[in-house]
């Protein structure tokens, strides 16, 4: 078990607090917009918001644009979709 925990720590060491926030926000975007829009529309909204945020960081130089953040956005979208689909199945 200790080896597995060490493996997880190494595998996810590049995910920062900012990355976790990207994951959480994209999941919430899917769940909130998916409540009254088709899920595909919620996915597009989450992708656009995540991409625009990174473009804003690049252009304004007020933040640091990172590929890791976009990866966390995609993971958050997948997590949000899984929660939404499970909610639809088991409600």
C-alpha atoms as a PDB file:
ATOM      1  CA  UNK A   1       0.000   0.000   0.000  1.00  0.00           C
ATOM      2  CA  UNK A   2       2.864   2.364   0.805  1.00  0.00           C
ATOM      3  CA  UNK A   3       4.335   1.876  -2.683  1.00  0.00           C
ATOM      4  CA  UNK A   4       0.968   2.682  -4.249  1.00  0.00           C
ATOM      5  CA  UNK A   5       0.667   5.911  -2.247  1.00  0.00           C
ATOM      6  CA  UNK A   6       4.214   6.902  -3.230  1.00  0.00           C
ATOM      7  CA  UNK A   7       3.349   6.181  -6.867  1.00  0.00           C
ATOM      8  CA  UNK A   8       0.269   8.442  -6.666  1.00  0.00           C
ATOM      9  CA  UNK A   9       2.314  11.220  -5.091  1.00  0.00           C
ATOM     10  CA  UNK A  10       4.883  11.074  -7.890  1.00  0.00           C
ATOM     11  CA  UNK A  11       2.251  10.747 -10.612  1.00  0.00           C
ATOM     12  CA  UNK A  12       0.287  13.783  -9.444  1.00  0.00           C
ATOM     13  CA  UNK A  13       3.150  15.917  -8.109  1.00  0.00           C
ATOM     14  CA  UNK A  14       2.784  18.283 -11.083  1.00  0.00           C
ATOM     15  CA  UNK A  15      -0.836  19.069 -10.176  1.00  0.00           C
ATOM     16  CA  UNK A  16      -0.744  22.233  -8.106  1.00  0.00           C
ATOM     17  CA  UNK A  17      -3.480  23.913  -6.109  1.00  0.00           C
ATOM     18  CA  UNK A  18      -4.206  25.957  -9.232  1.00  0.00           C
ATOM     19  CA  UNK A  19      -4.616  22.752 -11.229  1.00  0.00           C
ATOM     20  CA  UNK A  20      -7.066  21.393  -8.673  1.00  0.00           C
ATOM     21  CA  UNK A  21      -9.034  24.635  -8.906  1.00  0.00           C
ATOM     22  CA  UNK A  22      -9.179  24.253 -12.700  1.00  0.00           C
ATOM     23  CA  UNK A  23     -10.464  20.703 -12.228  1.00  0.00           C
ATOM     24  CA  UNK A  24     -13.089  21.785  -9.700  1.00  0.00           C
ATOM     25  CA  UNK A  25     -14.320  24.799 -11.689  1.00  0.00           C
ATOM     26  CA  UNK A  26     -14.675  22.804 -14.924  1.00  0.00           C
ATOM     27  CA  UNK A  27     -16.573  20.078 -13.071  1.00  0.00           C
ATOM     28  CA  UNK A  28     -18.905  22.679 -11.600  1.00  0.00           C
ATOM     29  CA  UNK A  29     -19.412  24.318 -15.000  1.00  0.00           C
ATOM     30  CA  UNK A  30     -20.511  20.949 -16.400  1.00  0.00           C
ATOM     31  CA  UNK A  31     -22.875  20.301 -13.489  1.00  0.00           C
ATOM     32  CA  UNK A  32     -24.412  23.782 -13.390  1.00  0.00           C
ATOM     33  CA  UNK A  33     -24.828  24.331 -17.125  1.00  0.00           C
ATOM     34  CA  UNK A  34     -25.680  20.658 -17.660  1.00  0.00           C
ATOM     35  CA  UNK A  35     -28.687  21.107 -15.373  1.00  0.00           C
ATOM     36  CA  UNK A  36     -30.487  23.252 -17.960  1.00  0.00           C
ATOM     37  CA  UNK A  37     -28.534  22.738 -21.195  1.00  0.00           C
ATOM     38  CA  UNK A  38     -27.536  19.612 -23.091  1.00  0.00           C
ATOM     39  CA  UNK A  39     -24.293  18.144 -21.751  1.00  0.00           C
ATOM     40  CA  UNK A  40     -22.506  18.758 -25.054  1.00  0.00           C
ATOM     41  CA  UNK A  41     -23.226  22.488 -24.678  1.00  0.00           C
ATOM     42  CA  UNK A  42     -21.908  22.450 -21.111  1.00  0.00           C
ATOM     43  CA  UNK A  43     -18.716  20.783 -22.374  1.00  0.00           C
ATOM     44  CA  UNK A  44     -18.236  23.464 -25.021  1.00  0.00           C
ATOM     45  CA  UNK A  45     -18.775  26.217 -22.437  1.00  0.00           C
ATOM     46  CA  UNK A  46     -16.205  24.638 -20.095  1.00  0.00           C
ATOM     47  CA  UNK A  47     -13.649  24.261 -22.903  1.00  0.00           C
ATOM     48  CA  UNK A  48     -14.148  27.855 -24.046  1.00  0.00           C
ATOM     49  CA  UNK A  49     -13.882  29.263 -20.505  1.00  0.00           C
ATOM     50  CA  UNK A  50     -10.743  27.237 -19.744  1.00  0.00           C
ATOM     51  CA  UNK A  51      -9.090  28.207 -23.011  1.00  0.00           C
ATOM     52  CA  UNK A  52     -10.013  31.879 -22.669  1.00  0.00           C
ATOM     53  CA  UNK A  53      -8.585  31.931 -19.149  1.00  0.00           C
ATOM     54  CA  UNK A  54      -5.245  30.644 -20.403  1.00  0.00           C
ATOM     55  CA  UNK A  55      -5.291  33.124 -23.311  1.00  0.00           C
ATOM     56  CA  UNK A  56      -6.020  35.919 -20.833  1.00  0.00           C
ATOM     57  CA  UNK A  57      -3.016  34.830 -18.748  1.00  0.00           C
ATOM     58  CA  UNK A  58      -0.850  34.857 -21.885  1.00  0.00           C
ATOM     59  CA  UNK A  59      -1.991  38.226 -23.212  1.00  0.00           C
ATOM     60  CA  UNK A  60      -2.318  40.151 -19.945  1.00  0.00           C
ATOM     61  CA  UNK A  61       0.789  38.647 -18.333  1.00  0.00           C
ATOM     62  CA  UNK A  62      -1.126  38.736 -15.029  1.00  0.00           C
ATOM     63  CA  UNK A  63      -0.885  34.981 -14.774  1.00  0.00           C
ATOM     64  CA  UNK A  64       1.124  32.117 -16.148  1.00  0.00           C
ATOM     65  CA  UNK A  65      -0.457  30.162 -19.008  1.00  0.00           C
ATOM     66  CA  UNK A  66       0.223  26.454 -18.558  1.00  0.00           C
ATOM     67  CA  UNK A  67      -0.598  23.306 -20.475  1.00  0.00           C
ATOM     68  CA  UNK A  68      -1.090  21.607 -17.123  1.00  0.00           C
ATOM     69  CA  UNK A  69      -4.060  23.852 -16.439  1.00  0.00           C
ATOM     70  CA  UNK A  70      -5.671  22.826 -19.733  1.00  0.00           C
ATOM     71  CA  UNK A  71      -5.087  19.164 -18.871  1.00  0.00           C
ATOM     72  CA  UNK A  72      -6.727  19.740 -15.480  1.00  0.00           C
ATOM     73  CA  UNK A  73      -9.623  21.448 -17.290  1.00  0.00           C
ATOM     74  CA  UNK A  74     -10.120  18.341 -19.435  1.00  0.00           C
ATOM     75  CA  UNK A  75      -9.963  16.051 -16.401  1.00  0.00           C
ATOM     76  CA  UNK A  76     -12.500  18.301 -14.663  1.00  0.00           C
ATOM     77  CA  UNK A  77     -14.802  18.097 -17.660  1.00  0.00           C
ATOM     78  CA  UNK A  78     -14.595  14.299 -17.614  1.00  0.00           C
ATOM     79  CA  UNK A  79     -15.269  14.198 -13.867  1.00  0.00           C
ATOM     80  CA  UNK A  80     -18.237  16.547 -14.282  1.00  0.00           C
ATOM     81  CA  UNK A  81     -19.617  14.408 -17.101  1.00  0.00           C
ATOM     82  CA  UNK A  82     -19.261  11.236 -15.041  1.00  0.00           C
ATOM     83  CA  UNK A  83     -21.109  12.813 -12.120  1.00  0.00           C
ATOM     84  CA  UNK A  84     -23.843  14.162 -14.409  1.00  0.00           C
ATOM     85  CA  UNK A  85     -24.344  10.825 -16.165  1.00  0.00           C
ATOM     86  CA  UNK A  86     -24.386   8.909 -12.880  1.00  0.00           C
ATOM     87  CA  UNK A  87     -26.918  11.417 -11.541  1.00  0.00           C
ATOM     88  CA  UNK A  88     -29.151  10.828 -14.571  1.00  0.00           C
ATOM     89  CA  UNK A  89     -28.877   7.053 -14.247  1.00  0.00           C
ATOM     90  CA  UNK A  90     -29.498   6.748 -10.507  1.00  0.00           C
ATOM     91  CA  UNK A  91     -31.959   9.516  -9.723  1.00  0.00           C
END
